[in-house]
Amino acid sequence: MTTTKTARELAETYFIAWEEGDFEALRGLLAEDVDFVGALGTASGVEEALAGLRRLGQVLEKIDVKVRVTEGDEAITWFDLHTSVAPPTPTANWMHVEDGKVTRIRVTFDPRGLLAGFERQN
């Protein structure tokens, strides 16, 4: 018997997997047609979404979750994104879940610190 994860469980697992660099676990959480829109770009489909997570994962040091709020198939996670290229970045991530998979993700934060950090790397 399989159990479908709740939006809260999916969000928790998503952030743990991303922080640990476990992209196979992330793949299992995302719908094939996942739709991502964020401050640094957009992605359509699981492969594009994973590619974006991998790129940011190269500088990711820690995800410090402050609060997670869920209602039905929706989860919002407020966290500080710690990277090797910028000061901690306060971030809000909204996920929508259908049939036990994340189908939509929207992320908002002030990207200026990360963009400046990426420029210094080049």
N, C-alpha and C. Protein backbone atom coordinates (compact mmCIF):
# COMPACT_ATOMS: atom_id res chain seq x y z
N MET A 1 0.84 -1.18 0.00
CA MET A 1 0.00 0.00 0.00
C MET A 1 0.88 1.24 0.00
N THR A 2 0.61 2.19 -0.89
CA THR A 2 1.37 3.43 -0.92
C THR A 2 0.54 4.54 -0.30
N THR A 3 1.22 5.47 0.30
CA THR A 3 0.56 6.59 0.93
C THR A 3 0.96 7.86 0.20
N THR A 4 -0.02 8.66 -0.17
CA THR A 4 0.27 9.92 -0.83
C THR A 4 0.70 10.94 0.22
N LYS A 5 1.80 11.61 -0.04
CA LYS A 5 2.30 12.60 0.90
C LYS A 5 1.44 13.86 0.84
N THR A 6 1.30 14.49 1.99
CA THR A 6 0.59 15.76 2.07
C THR A 6 1.47 16.87 1.50
N ALA A 7 0.88 18.03 1.29
CA ALA A 7 1.65 19.19 0.82
C ALA A 7 2.77 19.52 1.80
N ARG A 8 2.48 19.44 3.11
CA ARG A 8 3.50 19.71 4.12
C ARG A 8 4.65 18.71 4.02
N GLU A 9 4.32 17.43 3.92
CA GLU A 9 5.36 16.40 3.82
C GLU A 9 6.19 16.56 2.55
N LEU A 10 5.54 16.88 1.45
CA LEU A 10 6.27 17.10 0.19
C LEU A 10 7.21 18.29 0.32
N ALA A 11 6.73 19.39 0.90
CA ALA A 11 7.57 20.57 1.06
C ALA A 11 8.76 20.27 1.96
N GLU A 12 8.52 19.57 3.07
CA GLU A 12 9.62 19.23 3.97
C GLU A 12 10.65 18.36 3.25
N THR A 13 10.19 17.34 2.55
CA THR A 13 11.08 16.43 1.84
C THR A 13 11.83 17.14 0.73
N TYR A 14 11.16 18.04 0.01
CA TYR A 14 11.76 18.83 -1.07
C TYR A 14 12.97 19.62 -0.56
N PHE A 15 12.77 20.35 0.53
CA PHE A 15 13.87 21.19 1.02
C PHE A 15 15.01 20.37 1.61
N ILE A 16 14.70 19.28 2.27
CA ILE A 16 15.77 18.40 2.78
C ILE A 16 16.57 17.82 1.62
N ALA A 17 15.88 17.31 0.61
CA ALA A 17 16.57 16.72 -0.55
C ALA A 17 17.42 17.75 -1.27
N TRP A 18 16.89 18.96 -1.46
CA TRP A 18 17.65 20.00 -2.16
C TRP A 18 18.89 20.38 -1.36
N GLU A 19 18.72 20.57 -0.06
CA GLU A 19 19.86 20.94 0.78
C GLU A 19 20.94 19.86 0.76
N GLU A 20 20.52 18.59 0.68
CA GLU A 20 21.47 17.47 0.66
C GLU A 20 21.99 17.17 -0.75
N GLY A 21 21.47 17.86 -1.76
CA GLY A 21 21.90 17.59 -3.13
C GLY A 21 21.38 16.27 -3.67
N ASP A 22 20.27 15.79 -3.15
CA ASP A 22 19.68 14.51 -3.57
C ASP A 22 18.66 14.76 -4.69
N PHE A 23 19.16 14.88 -5.90
CA PHE A 23 18.31 15.25 -7.03
C PHE A 23 17.42 14.10 -7.50
N GLU A 24 17.80 12.88 -7.21
CA GLU A 24 16.90 11.76 -7.53
C GLU A 24 15.67 11.79 -6.64
N ALA A 25 15.87 12.10 -5.36
CA ALA A 25 14.73 12.26 -4.45
C ALA A 25 13.85 13.42 -4.91
N LEU A 26 14.48 14.53 -5.31
CA LEU A 26 13.71 15.68 -5.81
C LEU A 26 12.89 15.29 -7.03
N ARG A 27 13.48 14.55 -7.95
CA ARG A 27 12.78 14.11 -9.16
C ARG A 27 11.49 13.37 -8.78
N GLY A 28 11.55 12.54 -7.76
CA GLY A 28 10.40 11.77 -7.35
C GLY A 28 9.27 12.60 -6.75
N LEU A 29 9.57 13.83 -6.34
CA LEU A 29 8.58 14.71 -5.74
C LEU A 29 7.87 15.59 -6.76
N LEU A 30 8.52 15.81 -7.90
CA LEU A 30 8.02 16.75 -8.90
C LEU A 30 7.21 16.05 -9.99
N ALA A 31 6.10 16.68 -10.36
CA ALA A 31 5.31 16.18 -11.49
C ALA A 31 6.13 16.37 -12.77
N GLU A 32 5.91 15.51 -13.75
CA GLU A 32 6.64 15.61 -15.03
C GLU A 32 6.47 16.99 -15.65
N ASP A 33 5.29 17.60 -15.49
CA ASP A 33 5.01 18.90 -16.11
C ASP A 33 5.05 20.04 -15.09
N VAL A 34 5.88 19.88 -14.04
CA VAL A 34 5.99 20.93 -13.02
C VAL A 34 6.30 22.28 -13.68
N ASP A 35 5.69 23.32 -13.14
CA ASP A 35 5.84 24.68 -13.66
C ASP A 35 6.48 25.54 -12.57
N PHE A 36 7.65 26.11 -12.86
CA PHE A 36 8.41 26.90 -11.88
C PHE A 36 8.58 28.32 -12.38
N VAL A 37 8.30 29.28 -11.49
CA VAL A 37 8.57 30.69 -11.78
C VAL A 37 9.23 31.29 -10.54
N GLY A 38 10.40 31.90 -10.75
CA GLY A 38 11.12 32.50 -9.64
C GLY A 38 11.86 33.75 -10.06
N ALA A 39 12.52 34.37 -9.09
CA ALA A 39 13.24 35.62 -9.34
C ALA A 39 14.41 35.46 -10.30
N LEU A 40 14.96 34.25 -10.41
CA LEU A 40 16.12 34.04 -11.28
C LEU A 40 15.77 33.33 -12.58
N GLY A 41 14.48 32.98 -12.77
CA GLY A 41 14.13 32.32 -14.02
C GLY A 41 12.87 31.50 -13.92
N THR A 42 12.59 30.81 -15.01
CA THR A 42 11.42 29.94 -15.09
C THR A 42 11.86 28.56 -15.58
N ALA A 43 11.01 27.58 -15.34
CA ALA A 43 11.29 26.23 -15.83
C ALA A 43 9.96 25.55 -16.12
N SER A 44 9.94 24.82 -17.22
CA SER A 44 8.77 24.04 -17.59
C SER A 44 9.18 22.58 -17.67
N GLY A 45 8.61 21.76 -16.81
CA GLY A 45 8.93 20.35 -16.80
C GLY A 45 10.00 20.00 -15.78
N VAL A 46 10.02 18.72 -15.45
CA VAL A 46 10.89 18.25 -14.38
C VAL A 46 12.37 18.43 -14.72
N GLU A 47 12.77 18.22 -15.96
CA GLU A 47 14.20 18.33 -16.30
C GLU A 47 14.70 19.76 -16.16
N GLU A 48 13.92 20.73 -16.64
CA GLU A 48 14.31 22.14 -16.51
C GLU A 48 14.33 22.55 -15.04
N ALA A 49 13.35 22.11 -14.27
CA ALA A 49 13.29 22.46 -12.85
C ALA A 49 14.50 21.90 -12.12
N LEU A 50 14.83 20.64 -12.37
CA LEU A 50 16.01 20.04 -11.73
C LEU A 50 17.29 20.74 -12.15
N ALA A 51 17.39 21.14 -13.40
CA ALA A 51 18.59 21.85 -13.86
C ALA A 51 18.76 23.16 -13.09
N GLY A 52 17.67 23.89 -12.88
CA GLY A 52 17.73 25.12 -12.11
C GLY A 52 18.12 24.88 -10.65
N LEU A 53 17.54 23.85 -10.06
CA LEU A 53 17.88 23.51 -8.68
C LEU A 53 19.34 23.08 -8.56
N ARG A 54 19.84 22.37 -9.56
CA ARG A 54 21.26 21.98 -9.55
C ARG A 54 22.17 23.20 -9.65
N ARG A 55 21.81 24.15 -10.53
CA ARG A 55 22.65 25.35 -10.69
C ARG A 55 22.76 26.10 -9.36
N LEU A 56 21.62 26.37 -8.73
CA LEU A 56 21.67 27.08 -7.46
C LEU A 56 22.29 26.18 -6.38
N GLY A 57 22.12 24.88 -6.51
CA GLY A 57 22.70 23.93 -5.57
C GLY A 57 24.22 23.98 -5.53
N GLN A 58 24.84 24.46 -6.61
CA GLN A 58 26.31 24.56 -6.64
C GLN A 58 26.84 25.55 -5.62
N VAL A 59 26.02 26.53 -5.24
CA VAL A 59 26.46 27.52 -4.25
C VAL A 59 25.66 27.42 -2.95
N LEU A 60 24.69 26.52 -2.89
CA LEU A 60 23.84 26.35 -1.71
C LEU A 60 24.63 25.78 -0.54
N GLU A 61 24.53 26.44 0.60
CA GLU A 61 25.17 25.95 1.82
C GLU A 61 24.16 25.45 2.84
N LYS A 62 23.04 26.15 2.96
CA LYS A 62 22.07 25.81 4.00
C LYS A 62 20.72 26.44 3.66
N ILE A 63 19.65 25.75 4.04
CA ILE A 63 18.30 26.29 3.96
C ILE A 63 17.78 26.35 5.39
N ASP A 64 17.61 27.55 5.89
CA ASP A 64 17.17 27.75 7.26
C ASP A 64 15.68 28.10 7.25
N VAL A 65 14.84 27.06 7.40
CA VAL A 65 13.39 27.25 7.36
C VAL A 65 12.93 27.97 8.62
N LYS A 66 12.19 29.05 8.42
CA LYS A 66 11.64 29.83 9.53
C LYS A 66 10.22 29.38 9.86
N VAL A 67 9.41 29.14 8.83
CA VAL A 67 8.03 28.72 9.04
C VAL A 67 7.50 28.07 7.77
N ARG A 68 6.60 27.12 7.96
CA ARG A 68 5.92 26.49 6.83
C ARG A 68 4.43 26.51 7.14
N VAL A 69 3.64 26.99 6.19
CA VAL A 69 2.20 27.07 6.34
C VAL A 69 1.57 26.26 5.23
N THR A 70 0.63 25.39 5.60
CA THR A 70 -0.04 24.59 4.58
C THR A 70 -1.54 24.70 4.74
N GLU A 71 -2.21 24.58 3.61
CA GLU A 71 -3.66 24.54 3.58
C GLU A 71 -4.06 23.69 2.39
N GLY A 72 -4.62 22.54 2.65
CA GLY A 72 -5.01 21.64 1.57
C GLY A 72 -3.80 21.24 0.74
N ASP A 73 -3.86 21.54 -0.55
CA ASP A 73 -2.80 21.19 -1.50
C ASP A 73 -1.78 22.30 -1.71
N GLU A 74 -1.73 23.25 -0.79
CA GLU A 74 -0.82 24.39 -0.92
C GLU A 74 0.15 24.39 0.26
N ALA A 75 1.41 24.75 0.00
CA ALA A 75 2.41 24.91 1.06
C ALA A 75 3.25 26.15 0.77
N ILE A 76 3.43 26.97 1.77
CA ILE A 76 4.32 28.11 1.67
C ILE A 76 5.41 27.93 2.72
N THR A 77 6.66 28.02 2.26
CA THR A 77 7.81 27.88 3.15
C THR A 77 8.58 29.20 3.12
N TRP A 78 8.78 29.78 4.28
CA TRP A 78 9.59 31.00 4.43
C TRP A 78 10.93 30.56 5.00
N PHE A 79 12.02 30.92 4.31
CA PHE A 79 13.34 30.46 4.76
C PHE A 79 14.42 31.46 4.38
N ASP A 80 15.58 31.32 5.04
CA ASP A 80 16.78 32.06 4.65
C ASP A 80 17.62 31.13 3.81
N LEU A 81 17.93 31.56 2.60
CA LEU A 81 18.76 30.81 1.68
C LEU A 81 20.21 31.22 1.89
N HIS A 82 21.02 30.31 2.41
CA HIS A 82 22.44 30.58 2.65
C HIS A 82 23.24 30.01 1.48
N THR A 83 24.05 30.87 0.87
CA THR A 83 24.89 30.44 -0.25
C THR A 83 26.33 30.89 0.01
N SER A 84 27.22 30.38 -0.82
CA SER A 84 28.62 30.76 -0.72
C SER A 84 28.92 32.08 -1.41
N VAL A 85 27.93 32.68 -2.09
CA VAL A 85 28.19 33.88 -2.89
C VAL A 85 27.47 35.13 -2.40
N ALA A 86 26.60 35.01 -1.37
CA ALA A 86 25.81 36.16 -0.94
C ALA A 86 25.41 35.99 0.52
N PRO A 87 25.06 37.11 1.14
CA PRO A 87 24.51 37.01 2.51
C PRO A 87 23.21 36.20 2.47
N PRO A 88 22.76 35.68 3.61
CA PRO A 88 21.50 34.94 3.63
C PRO A 88 20.37 35.73 2.97
N THR A 89 19.59 35.05 2.14
CA THR A 89 18.53 35.68 1.37
C THR A 89 17.17 35.20 1.87
N PRO A 90 16.37 36.10 2.49
CA PRO A 90 15.02 35.72 2.90
C PRO A 90 14.19 35.37 1.66
N THR A 91 13.52 34.22 1.71
CA THR A 91 12.86 33.66 0.53
C THR A 91 11.51 33.07 0.90
N ALA A 92 10.54 33.27 0.01
CA ALA A 92 9.24 32.61 0.15
C ALA A 92 9.05 31.67 -1.04
N ASN A 93 8.62 30.44 -0.74
CA ASN A 93 8.41 29.41 -1.77
C ASN A 93 6.99 28.87 -1.60
N TRP A 94 6.18 28.98 -2.65
CA TRP A 94 4.82 28.43 -2.66
C TRP A 94 4.79 27.24 -3.58
N MET A 95 4.19 26.15 -3.12
CA MET A 95 4.04 24.93 -3.92
C MET A 95 2.58 24.53 -3.97
N HIS A 96 2.18 24.02 -5.12
CA HIS A 96 0.86 23.42 -5.28
C HIS A 96 1.07 21.94 -5.58
N VAL A 97 0.27 21.10 -4.93
CA VAL A 97 0.40 19.65 -5.05
C VAL A 97 -0.86 19.05 -5.65
N GLU A 98 -0.68 18.12 -6.58
CA GLU A 98 -1.78 17.35 -7.14
C GLU A 98 -1.33 15.90 -7.23
N ASP A 99 -2.18 14.99 -6.81
CA ASP A 99 -1.91 13.56 -6.89
C ASP A 99 -0.55 13.18 -6.30
N GLY A 100 -0.18 13.82 -5.19
CA GLY A 100 1.04 13.47 -4.50
C GLY A 100 2.33 13.98 -5.12
N LYS A 101 2.22 14.91 -6.08
CA LYS A 101 3.41 15.49 -6.73
C LYS A 101 3.30 17.01 -6.73
N VAL A 102 4.44 17.67 -6.69
CA VAL A 102 4.49 19.13 -6.78
C VAL A 102 4.29 19.50 -8.25
N THR A 103 3.24 20.31 -8.52
CA THR A 103 2.94 20.68 -9.91
C THR A 103 3.29 22.13 -10.23
N ARG A 104 3.28 23.01 -9.22
CA ARG A 104 3.62 24.41 -9.44
C ARG A 104 4.46 24.92 -8.28
N ILE A 105 5.45 25.73 -8.62
CA ILE A 105 6.31 26.36 -7.62
C ILE A 105 6.48 27.82 -8.01
N ARG A 106 6.30 28.68 -7.04
CA ARG A 106 6.57 30.11 -7.22
C ARG A 106 7.49 30.53 -6.09
N VAL A 107 8.56 31.24 -6.44
CA VAL A 107 9.56 31.64 -5.45
C VAL A 107 9.80 33.14 -5.58
N THR A 108 9.83 33.81 -4.44
CA THR A 108 10.10 35.23 -4.48
C THR A 108 11.14 35.61 -3.42
N PHE A 109 12.05 36.49 -3.84
CA PHE A 109 13.09 37.02 -2.96
C PHE A 109 13.75 38.17 -3.71
N ASP A 110 14.56 38.94 -2.99
CA ASP A 110 15.33 40.01 -3.61
C ASP A 110 16.59 39.37 -4.19
N PRO A 111 16.74 39.32 -5.50
CA PRO A 111 17.86 38.59 -6.11
C PRO A 111 19.17 39.37 -6.17
N ARG A 112 19.20 40.63 -5.76
CA ARG A 112 20.39 41.45 -5.98
C ARG A 112 21.66 40.87 -5.36
N GLY A 113 21.58 40.35 -4.14
CA GLY A 113 22.77 39.78 -3.50
C GLY A 113 23.31 38.58 -4.26
N LEU A 114 22.41 37.68 -4.66
CA LEU A 114 22.85 36.50 -5.42
C LEU A 114 23.42 36.90 -6.77
N LEU A 115 22.76 37.81 -7.47
CA LEU A 115 23.25 38.23 -8.79
C LEU A 115 24.64 38.85 -8.67
N ALA A 116 24.85 39.68 -7.67
CA ALA A 116 26.18 40.29 -7.45
C ALA A 116 27.20 39.21 -7.12
N GLY A 117 26.81 38.24 -6.32
CA GLY A 117 27.71 37.15 -5.99
C GLY A 117 28.10 36.31 -7.19
N PHE A 118 27.12 36.04 -8.06
CA PHE A 118 27.42 35.30 -9.29
C PHE A 118 28.36 36.10 -10.19
N GLU A 119 28.17 37.41 -10.24
CA GLU A 119 29.06 38.27 -11.06
C GLU A 119 30.50 38.20 -10.54
N ARG A 120 30.66 38.20 -9.22
CA ARG A 120 32.01 38.15 -8.64
C ARG A 120 32.69 36.82 -8.96
N GLN A 121 31.90 35.76 -9.14
CA GLN A 121 32.48 34.45 -9.47
C GLN A 121 33.03 34.41 -10.89
N ASN A 122 32.47 35.20 -11.77
CA ASN A 122 32.88 35.16 -13.19
C ASN A 122 34.04 36.03 -13.50
